[in-house]
Amino acid sequence: MIRDIVNPDAQIVNTGAVVDDPQKRKPDISVARAELGWQPQFTAEEGLLETIRYFKNKIELDKREFIE
């Protein structure tokens, strides 16, 4: 999904997991929902778009600070 958003032509390279890489990729939020009344406010795609936008802006700001 990230590749499709950022650069559909990019190749994916599998390099193996790092030592502290979590094995469970689909967190169970049932406890948060039951105990706190919490649930996600964004879809996965919306969250990725927001995250990508944030880091693109951060990279641009960092570039400007480095040049100045």
PDB file of N, CA and C in Angstrom:
ATOM      1  N   MET A   1       0.829  -1.186   0.000  1.00  0.00           N
ATOM      2  CA  MET A   1       0.000   0.000   0.000  1.00  0.00           C
ATOM      3  C   MET A   1       0.879   1.258   0.000  1.00  0.00           C
ATOM      4  N   ILE A   2       1.945   1.241   0.801  1.00  0.00           N
ATOM      5  CA  ILE A   2       2.832   2.407   0.875  1.00  0.00           C
ATOM      6  C   ILE A   2       3.506   2.637  -0.467  1.00  0.00           C
ATOM      7  N   ARG A   3       4.021   1.562  -1.064  1.00  0.00           N
ATOM      8  CA  ARG A   3       4.681   1.706  -2.361  1.00  0.00           C
ATOM      9  C   ARG A   3       3.723   2.285  -3.382  1.00  0.00           C
ATOM     10  N   ASP A   4       2.497   1.804  -3.409  1.00  0.00           N
ATOM     11  CA  ASP A   4       1.516   2.291  -4.371  1.00  0.00           C
ATOM     12  C   ASP A   4       1.244   3.784  -4.198  1.00  0.00           C
ATOM     13  N   ILE A   5       1.288   4.267  -2.972  1.00  0.00           N
ATOM     14  CA  ILE A   5       1.054   5.684  -2.707  1.00  0.00           C
ATOM     15  C   ILE A   5       2.285   6.527  -3.040  1.00  0.00           C
ATOM     16  N   VAL A   6       3.470   6.065  -2.609  1.00  0.00           N
ATOM     17  CA  VAL A   6       4.688   6.864  -2.730  1.00  0.00           C
ATOM     18  C   VAL A   6       5.339   6.741  -4.101  1.00  0.00           C
ATOM     19  N   ASN A   7       5.533   5.495  -4.565  1.00  0.00           N
ATOM     20  CA  ASN A   7       6.210   5.277  -5.843  1.00  0.00           C
ATOM     21  C   ASN A   7       5.857   3.893  -6.375  1.00  0.00           C
ATOM     22  N   PRO A   8       4.823   3.786  -7.202  1.00  0.00           N
ATOM     23  CA  PRO A   8       4.380   2.483  -7.707  1.00  0.00           C
ATOM     24  C   PRO A   8       5.449   1.714  -8.480  1.00  0.00           C
ATOM     25  N   ASP A   9       6.475   2.403  -8.959  1.00  0.00           N
ATOM     26  CA  ASP A   9       7.535   1.736  -9.723  1.00  0.00           C
ATOM     27  C   ASP A   9       8.658   1.198  -8.844  1.00  0.00           C
ATOM     28  N   ALA A  10       8.651   1.507  -7.561  1.00  0.00           N
ATOM     29  CA  ALA A  10       9.706   1.054  -6.656  1.00  0.00           C
ATOM     30  C   ALA A  10       9.644  -0.461  -6.489  1.00  0.00           C
ATOM     31  N   GLN A  11      10.817  -1.064  -6.356  1.00  0.00           N
ATOM     32  CA  GLN A  11      10.882  -2.502  -6.116  1.00  0.00           C
ATOM     33  C   GLN A  11      10.900  -2.763  -4.620  1.00  0.00           C
ATOM     34  N   ILE A  12      10.268  -3.846  -4.217  1.00  0.00           N
ATOM     35  CA  ILE A  12      10.271  -4.241  -2.813  1.00  0.00           C
ATOM     36  C   ILE A  12      11.392  -5.254  -2.621  1.00  0.00           C
ATOM     37  N   VAL A  13      12.246  -5.008  -1.625  1.00  0.00           N
ATOM     38  CA  VAL A  13      13.360  -5.903  -1.332  1.00  0.00           C
ATOM     39  C   VAL A  13      13.143  -6.481   0.063  1.00  0.00           C
ATOM     40  N   ASN A  14      13.040  -7.788   0.167  1.00  0.00           N
ATOM     41  CA  ASN A  14      12.881  -8.453   1.454  1.00  0.00           C
ATOM     42  C   ASN A  14      14.260  -8.745   2.033  1.00  0.00           C
ATOM     43  N   THR A  15      14.514  -8.245   3.245  1.00  0.00           N
ATOM     44  CA  THR A  15      15.834  -8.398   3.850  1.00  0.00           C
ATOM     45  C   THR A  15      15.811  -9.165   5.166  1.00  0.00           C
ATOM     46  N   GLY A  16      14.675  -9.652   5.587  1.00  0.00           N
ATOM     47  CA  GLY A  16      14.591 -10.363   6.858  1.00  0.00           C
ATOM     48  C   GLY A  16      14.273  -9.416   7.997  1.00  0.00           C
ATOM     49  N   ALA A  17      13.771  -9.970   9.058  1.00  0.00           N
ATOM     50  CA  ALA A  17      13.332  -9.173  10.201  1.00  0.00           C
ATOM     51  C   ALA A  17      14.509  -8.786  11.084  1.00  0.00           C
ATOM     52  N   VAL A  18      14.387  -7.622  11.696  1.00  0.00           N
ATOM     53  CA  VAL A  18      15.368  -7.217  12.704  1.00  0.00           C
ATOM     54  C   VAL A  18      14.989  -7.873  14.026  1.00  0.00           C
ATOM     55  N   VAL A  19      15.891  -7.861  14.977  1.00  0.00           N
ATOM     56  CA  VAL A  19      15.694  -8.586  16.232  1.00  0.00           C
ATOM     57  C   VAL A  19      14.407  -8.200  16.952  1.00  0.00           C
ATOM     58  N   ASP A  20      14.113  -6.901  17.052  1.00  0.00           N
ATOM     59  CA  ASP A  20      12.940  -6.459  17.815  1.00  0.00           C
ATOM     60  C   ASP A  20      11.705  -6.228  16.939  1.00  0.00           C
ATOM     61  N   ASP A  21      11.681  -6.791  15.748  1.00  0.00           N
ATOM     62  CA  ASP A  21      10.546  -6.637  14.838  1.00  0.00           C
ATOM     63  C   ASP A  21       9.333  -7.390  15.386  1.00  0.00           C
ATOM     64  N   PRO A  22       8.205  -6.693  15.586  1.00  0.00           N
ATOM     65  CA  PRO A  22       7.023  -7.388  16.128  1.00  0.00           C
ATOM     66  C   PRO A  22       6.496  -8.434  15.148  1.00  0.00           C
ATOM     67  N   GLN A  23       6.079  -9.559  15.683  1.00  0.00           N
ATOM     68  CA  GLN A  23       5.570 -10.647  14.852  1.00  0.00           C
ATOM     69  C   GLN A  23       4.077 -10.499  14.570  1.00  0.00           C
ATOM     70  N   LYS A  24       3.359  -9.840  15.470  1.00  0.00           N
ATOM     71  CA  LYS A  24       1.921  -9.679  15.302  1.00  0.00           C
ATOM     72  C   LYS A  24       1.648  -8.365  14.583  1.00  0.00           C
ATOM     73  N   ARG A  25       1.026  -8.442  13.428  1.00  0.00           N
ATOM     74  CA  ARG A  25       0.818  -7.254  12.600  1.00  0.00           C
ATOM     75  C   ARG A  25      -0.606  -6.709  12.666  1.00  0.00           C
ATOM     76  N   LYS A  26      -1.502  -7.399  13.308  1.00  0.00           N
ATOM     77  CA  LYS A  26      -2.886  -6.937  13.382  1.00  0.00           C
ATOM     78  C   LYS A  26      -3.278  -6.841  14.856  1.00  0.00           C
ATOM     79  N   PRO A  27      -3.039  -5.681  15.459  1.00  0.00           N
ATOM     80  CA  PRO A  27      -3.330  -5.559  16.880  1.00  0.00           C
ATOM     81  C   PRO A  27      -4.817  -5.736  17.182  1.00  0.00           C
ATOM     82  N   ASP A  28      -5.089  -6.301  18.340  1.00  0.00           N
ATOM     83  CA  ASP A  28      -6.457  -6.508  18.794  1.00  0.00           C
ATOM     84  C   ASP A  28      -6.839  -5.316  19.667  1.00  0.00           C
ATOM     85  N   ILE A  29      -7.781  -4.521  19.196  1.00  0.00           N
ATOM     86  CA  ILE A  29      -8.173  -3.325  19.953  1.00  0.00           C
ATOM     87  C   ILE A  29      -9.432  -3.550  20.785  1.00  0.00           C
ATOM     88  N   SER A  30      -9.860  -4.803  20.911  1.00  0.00           N
ATOM     89  CA  SER A  30     -11.103  -5.063  21.638  1.00  0.00           C
ATOM     90  C   SER A  30     -11.038  -4.587  23.091  1.00  0.00           C
ATOM     91  N   VAL A  31      -9.888  -4.708  23.742  1.00  0.00           N
ATOM     92  CA  VAL A  31      -9.764  -4.246  25.132  1.00  0.00           C
ATOM     93  C   VAL A  31      -9.867  -2.725  25.186  1.00  0.00           C
ATOM     94  N   ALA A  32      -9.189  -2.036  24.288  1.00  0.00           N
ATOM     95  CA  ALA A  32      -9.271  -0.568  24.256  1.00  0.00           C
ATOM     96  C   ALA A  32     -10.703  -0.120  23.987  1.00  0.00           C
ATOM     97  N   ARG A  33     -11.379  -0.819  23.103  1.00  0.00           N
ATOM     98  CA  ARG A  33     -12.769  -0.470  22.798  1.00  0.00           C
ATOM     99  C   ARG A  33     -13.661  -0.719  24.007  1.00  0.00           C
ATOM    100  N   ALA A  34     -13.502  -1.872  24.661  1.00  0.00           N
ATOM    101  CA  ALA A  34     -14.359  -2.230  25.793  1.00  0.00           C
ATOM    102  C   ALA A  34     -14.066  -1.382  27.036  1.00  0.00           C
ATOM    103  N   GLU A  35     -12.786  -1.196  27.355  1.00  0.00           N
ATOM    104  CA  GLU A  35     -12.414  -0.514  28.595  1.00  0.00           C
ATOM    105  C   GLU A  35     -12.386   1.009  28.472  1.00  0.00           C
ATOM    106  N   LEU A  36     -12.011   1.507  27.309  1.00  0.00           N
ATOM    107  CA  LEU A  36     -11.831   2.951  27.145  1.00  0.00           C
ATOM    108  C   LEU A  36     -12.823   3.599  26.189  1.00  0.00           C
ATOM    109  N   GLY A  37     -13.575   2.757  25.477  1.00  0.00           N
ATOM    110  CA  GLY A  37     -14.479   3.297  24.469  1.00  0.00           C
ATOM    111  C   GLY A  37     -13.740   3.861  23.274  1.00  0.00           C
ATOM    112  N   TRP A  38     -12.497   3.399  23.066  1.00  0.00           N
ATOM    113  CA  TRP A  38     -11.651   3.912  21.988  1.00  0.00           C
ATOM    114  C   TRP A  38     -11.764   3.039  20.750  1.00  0.00           C
ATOM    115  N   GLN A  39     -11.729   3.682  19.613  1.00  0.00           N
ATOM    116  CA  GLN A  39     -11.623   2.951  18.350  1.00  0.00           C
ATOM    117  C   GLN A  39     -10.915   3.849  17.340  1.00  0.00           C
ATOM    118  N   PRO A  40     -10.304   3.269  16.327  1.00  0.00           N
ATOM    119  CA  PRO A  40      -9.567   4.073  15.345  1.00  0.00           C
ATOM    120  C   PRO A  40     -10.465   5.107  14.676  1.00  0.00           C
ATOM    121  N   GLN A  41      -9.884   6.266  14.385  1.00  0.00           N
ATOM    122  CA  GLN A  41     -10.621   7.338  13.719  1.00  0.00           C
ATOM    123  C   GLN A  41     -10.313   7.418  12.226  1.00  0.00           C
ATOM    124  N   PHE A  42      -9.293   6.693  11.788  1.00  0.00           N
ATOM    125  CA  PHE A  42      -8.872   6.700  10.393  1.00  0.00           C
ATOM    126  C   PHE A  42      -8.821   5.278   9.859  1.00  0.00           C
ATOM    127  N   THR A  43      -9.012   5.133   8.564  1.00  0.00           N
ATOM    128  CA  THR A  43      -8.736   3.845   7.932  1.00  0.00           C
ATOM    129  C   THR A  43      -7.220   3.709   7.812  1.00  0.00           C
ATOM    130  N   ALA A  44      -6.740   2.524   7.515  1.00  0.00           N
ATOM    131  CA  ALA A  44      -5.301   2.329   7.331  1.00  0.00           C
ATOM    132  C   ALA A  44      -4.779   3.234   6.219  1.00  0.00           C
ATOM    133  N   GLU A  45      -5.500   3.328   5.123  1.00  0.00           N
ATOM    134  CA  GLU A  45      -5.045   4.167   4.011  1.00  0.00           C
ATOM    135  C   GLU A  45      -5.006   5.645   4.405  1.00  0.00           C
ATOM    136  N   GLU A  46      -6.014   6.120   5.123  1.00  0.00           N
ATOM    137  CA  GLU A  46      -6.014   7.518   5.574  1.00  0.00           C
ATOM    138  C   GLU A  46      -4.830   7.786   6.504  1.00  0.00           C
ATOM    139  N   GLY A  47      -4.556   6.848   7.394  1.00  0.00           N
ATOM    140  CA  GLY A  47      -3.428   6.992   8.307  1.00  0.00           C
ATOM    141  C   GLY A  47      -2.101   7.027   7.568  1.00  0.00           C
ATOM    142  N   LEU A  48      -1.957   6.162   6.558  1.00  0.00           N
ATOM    143  CA  LEU A  48      -0.729   6.162   5.758  1.00  0.00           C
ATOM    144  C   LEU A  48      -0.565   7.479   5.012  1.00  0.00           C
ATOM    145  N   LEU A  49      -1.637   7.968   4.426  1.00  0.00           N
ATOM    146  CA  LEU A  49      -1.562   9.238   3.699  1.00  0.00           C
ATOM    147  C   LEU A  49      -1.132  10.372   4.625  1.00  0.00           C
ATOM    148  N   GLU A  50      -1.690  10.419   5.830  1.00  0.00           N
ATOM    149  CA  GLU A  50      -1.310  11.451   6.806  1.00  0.00           C
ATOM    150  C   GLU A  50       0.151  11.300   7.211  1.00  0.00           C
ATOM    151  N   THR A  51       0.591  10.069   7.446  1.00  0.00           N
ATOM    152  CA  THR A  51       1.970   9.809   7.852  1.00  0.00           C
ATOM    153  C   THR A  51       2.944  10.195   6.747  1.00  0.00           C
ATOM    154  N   ILE A  52       2.644   9.819   5.515  1.00  0.00           N
ATOM    155  CA  ILE A  52       3.492  10.154   4.374  1.00  0.00           C
ATOM    156  C   ILE A  52       3.564  11.664   4.199  1.00  0.00           C
ATOM    157  N   ARG A  53       2.442  12.344   4.311  1.00  0.00           N
ATOM    158  CA  ARG A  53       2.412  13.799   4.191  1.00  0.00           C
ATOM    159  C   ARG A  53       3.285  14.435   5.278  1.00  0.00           C
ATOM    160  N   TYR A  54       3.181  13.934   6.502  1.00  0.00           N
ATOM    161  CA  TYR A  54       3.981  14.462   7.613  1.00  0.00           C
ATOM    162  C   TYR A  54       5.478  14.328   7.317  1.00  0.00           C
ATOM    163  N   PHE A  55       5.916  13.134   6.902  1.00  0.00           N
ATOM    164  CA  PHE A  55       7.344  12.926   6.685  1.00  0.00           C
ATOM    165  C   PHE A  55       7.856  13.669   5.457  1.00  0.00           C
ATOM    166  N   LYS A  56       7.043  13.818   4.431  1.00  0.00           N
ATOM    167  CA  LYS A  56       7.468  14.629   3.283  1.00  0.00           C
ATOM    168  C   LYS A  56       7.705  16.074   3.723  1.00  0.00           C
ATOM    169  N   ASN A  57       6.791  16.614   4.527  1.00  0.00           N
ATOM    170  CA  ASN A  57       6.954  17.980   5.041  1.00  0.00           C
ATOM    171  C   ASN A  57       8.180  18.089   5.940  1.00  0.00           C
ATOM    172  N   LYS A  58       8.386  17.104   6.797  1.00  0.00           N
ATOM    173  CA  LYS A  58       9.540  17.110   7.697  1.00  0.00           C
ATOM    174  C   LYS A  58      10.842  17.068   6.913  1.00  0.00           C
ATOM    175  N   ILE A  59      10.912  16.240   5.897  1.00  0.00           N
ATOM    176  CA  ILE A  59      12.121  16.152   5.068  1.00  0.00           C
ATOM    177  C   ILE A  59      12.400  17.489   4.400  1.00  0.00           C
ATOM    178  N   GLU A  60      11.355  18.129   3.880  1.00  0.00           N
ATOM    179  CA  GLU A  60      11.535  19.434   3.246  1.00  0.00           C
ATOM    180  C   GLU A  60      12.040  20.475   4.238  1.00  0.00           C
ATOM    181  N   LEU A  61      11.469  20.502   5.442  1.00  0.00           N
ATOM    182  CA  LEU A  61      11.926  21.436   6.473  1.00  0.00           C
ATOM    183  C   LEU A  61      13.374  21.167   6.868  1.00  0.00           C
ATOM    184  N   ASP A  62      13.728  19.886   7.024  1.00  0.00           N
ATOM    185  CA  ASP A  62      15.086  19.527   7.375  1.00  0.00           C
ATOM    186  C   ASP A  62      16.072  19.955   6.287  1.00  0.00           C
ATOM    187  N   LYS A  63      15.668  19.798   5.034  1.00  0.00           N
ATOM    188  CA  LYS A  63      16.528  20.240   3.921  1.00  0.00           C
ATOM    189  C   LYS A  63      16.770  21.733   3.982  1.00  0.00           C
ATOM    190  N   ARG A  64      15.715  22.495   4.247  1.00  0.00           N
ATOM    191  CA  ARG A  64      15.826  23.949   4.319  1.00  0.00           C
ATOM    192  C   ARG A  64      16.750  24.368   5.458  1.00  0.00           C
ATOM    193  N   GLU A  65      16.607  23.726   6.618  1.00  0.00           N
ATOM    194  CA  GLU A  65      17.444  24.059   7.767  1.00  0.00           C
ATOM    195  C   GLU A  65      18.897  23.699   7.486  1.00  0.00           C
ATOM    196  N   PHE A  66      19.138  22.622   6.776  1.00  0.00           N
ATOM    197  CA  PHE A  66      20.494  22.203   6.454  1.00  0.00           C
ATOM    198  C   PHE A  66      21.160  23.196   5.504  1.00  0.00           C
ATOM    199  N   ILE A  67      20.397  23.718   4.550  1.00  0.00           N
ATOM    200  CA  ILE A  67      20.920  24.649   3.553  1.00  0.00           C
ATOM    201  C   ILE A  67      21.219  26.012   4.192  1.00  0.00           C
ATOM    202  N   GLU A  68      20.353  26.435   5.116  1.00  0.00           N
ATOM    203  CA  GLU A  68      20.504  27.766   5.743  1.00  0.00           C
ATOM    204  C   GLU A  68      21.599  27.798   6.705  1.00  0.00           C
TER     205      GLU A  68
END
